[in-house]
Amino acid sequence: MFTPDDLKTAAFAKRFDETYERYGKPLESEHMGEYLAVSPSGECLLESDRSELARVAAERFGPGVFLYKIGTRSVGAFRSPRRVE
């Protein structure tokens, strides 16, 4: 899991890029333009709809997921919202 302050660090940016190279780059030839979620443990989900992917990834993986658009590295990462009861 990461915090909002982590988003500002060079180490976080390096991890984000390395994760794309490992999981996203191999998908470029067949899934260009689709969205990819990568969990902290390396599990992946593909979806054509970014919002749907974010929803499903948050439910399935919890916090610490990286989101990418295949072929583009500008989508980002998110933390799961806290539930208010």
Protein backbone atom coordinates (compact mmCIF):
# COMPACT_ATOMS: atom_id res chain seq x y z
CA MET A 1 0.00 0.00 0.00
CA PHE A 2 1.16 3.57 -0.52
CA THR A 3 0.28 6.99 0.84
CA PRO A 4 -0.38 10.28 -0.99
CA ASP A 5 3.16 11.38 -0.10
CA ASP A 6 4.54 8.32 -1.91
CA LEU A 7 3.10 9.67 -5.18
CA LYS A 8 5.71 12.45 -5.06
CA THR A 9 8.81 10.28 -4.73
CA ALA A 10 11.27 9.14 -7.37
CA ALA A 11 11.14 5.61 -5.94
CA PHE A 12 7.38 5.50 -6.46
CA ALA A 13 7.74 6.74 -10.06
CA LYS A 14 10.40 4.10 -10.70
CA ARG A 15 8.16 1.36 -9.29
CA PHE A 16 5.26 2.61 -11.42
CA ASP A 17 7.42 2.48 -14.57
CA GLU A 18 8.92 -0.91 -13.74
CA THR A 19 5.48 -2.38 -13.11
CA TYR A 20 4.31 -1.18 -16.53
CA GLU A 21 7.41 -2.62 -18.22
CA ARG A 22 6.78 -6.00 -16.59
CA TYR A 23 3.00 -6.28 -16.99
CA GLY A 24 1.80 -3.68 -19.51
CA LYS A 25 4.46 -3.65 -22.20
CA PRO A 26 3.93 -7.32 -23.17
CA LEU A 27 0.22 -6.57 -23.77
CA GLU A 28 0.75 -3.66 -26.19
CA SER A 29 0.52 -5.70 -29.39
CA GLU A 30 -2.90 -7.19 -28.56
CA HIS A 31 -4.49 -4.77 -26.08
CA MET A 32 -3.43 -1.26 -27.14
CA GLY A 33 -5.78 1.35 -25.67
CA GLU A 34 -7.30 -0.97 -23.06
CA TYR A 35 -6.87 -0.36 -19.33
CA LEU A 36 -4.77 -2.51 -17.03
CA ALA A 37 -4.87 -2.81 -13.24
CA VAL A 38 -1.93 -4.43 -11.44
CA SER A 39 -2.29 -5.43 -7.79
CA PRO A 40 0.60 -5.20 -5.32
CA SER A 41 1.04 -8.99 -5.68
CA GLY A 42 1.16 -8.82 -9.51
CA GLU A 43 -2.38 -9.93 -10.30
CA CYS A 44 -3.74 -8.21 -13.41
CA LEU A 45 -7.12 -7.19 -14.82
CA LEU A 46 -7.86 -5.82 -18.29
CA GLU A 47 -10.93 -3.76 -19.19
CA SER A 48 -11.96 -1.42 -21.99
CA ASP A 49 -13.72 0.94 -19.54
CA ARG A 50 -11.44 2.79 -17.08
CA SER A 51 -14.14 3.44 -14.48
CA GLU A 52 -15.28 -0.18 -14.49
CA LEU A 53 -11.69 -1.36 -14.15
CA ALA A 54 -11.10 0.95 -11.18
CA ARG A 55 -14.27 -0.30 -9.49
CA VAL A 56 -13.53 -3.99 -10.03
CA ALA A 57 -9.84 -3.62 -9.09
CA ALA A 58 -10.73 -1.83 -5.84
CA GLU A 59 -13.19 -4.57 -4.92
CA ARG A 60 -10.92 -7.45 -5.87
CA PHE A 61 -7.46 -6.14 -4.91
CA GLY A 62 -8.04 -3.39 -2.36
CA PRO A 63 -5.58 -0.50 -2.02
CA GLY A 64 -2.23 -0.14 -3.75
CA VAL A 65 -3.32 -0.87 -7.33
CA PHE A 66 -1.56 0.66 -10.32
CA LEU A 67 -3.76 1.64 -13.28
CA TYR A 68 -2.44 2.04 -16.81
CA LYS A 69 -3.76 2.63 -20.28
CA ILE A 70 -1.91 0.14 -22.45
CA GLY A 71 0.46 2.10 -24.66
CA THR A 72 0.22 5.18 -22.40
CA ARG A 73 1.70 5.64 -18.93
CA SER A 74 -0.42 8.51 -17.67
CA VAL A 75 -3.37 6.95 -15.83
CA GLY A 76 -1.98 6.59 -12.30
CA ALA A 77 -2.55 4.81 -9.04
CA PHE A 78 -5.32 4.92 -6.50
CA ARG A 79 -6.16 4.08 -2.94
CA SER A 80 -9.47 2.48 -2.10
CA PRO A 81 -11.87 4.91 -0.44
CA ARG A 82 -12.56 4.36 3.20
CA ARG A 83 -16.03 3.19 4.04
CA VAL A 84 -18.09 5.51 6.18
CA GLU A 85 -20.56 3.73 8.39
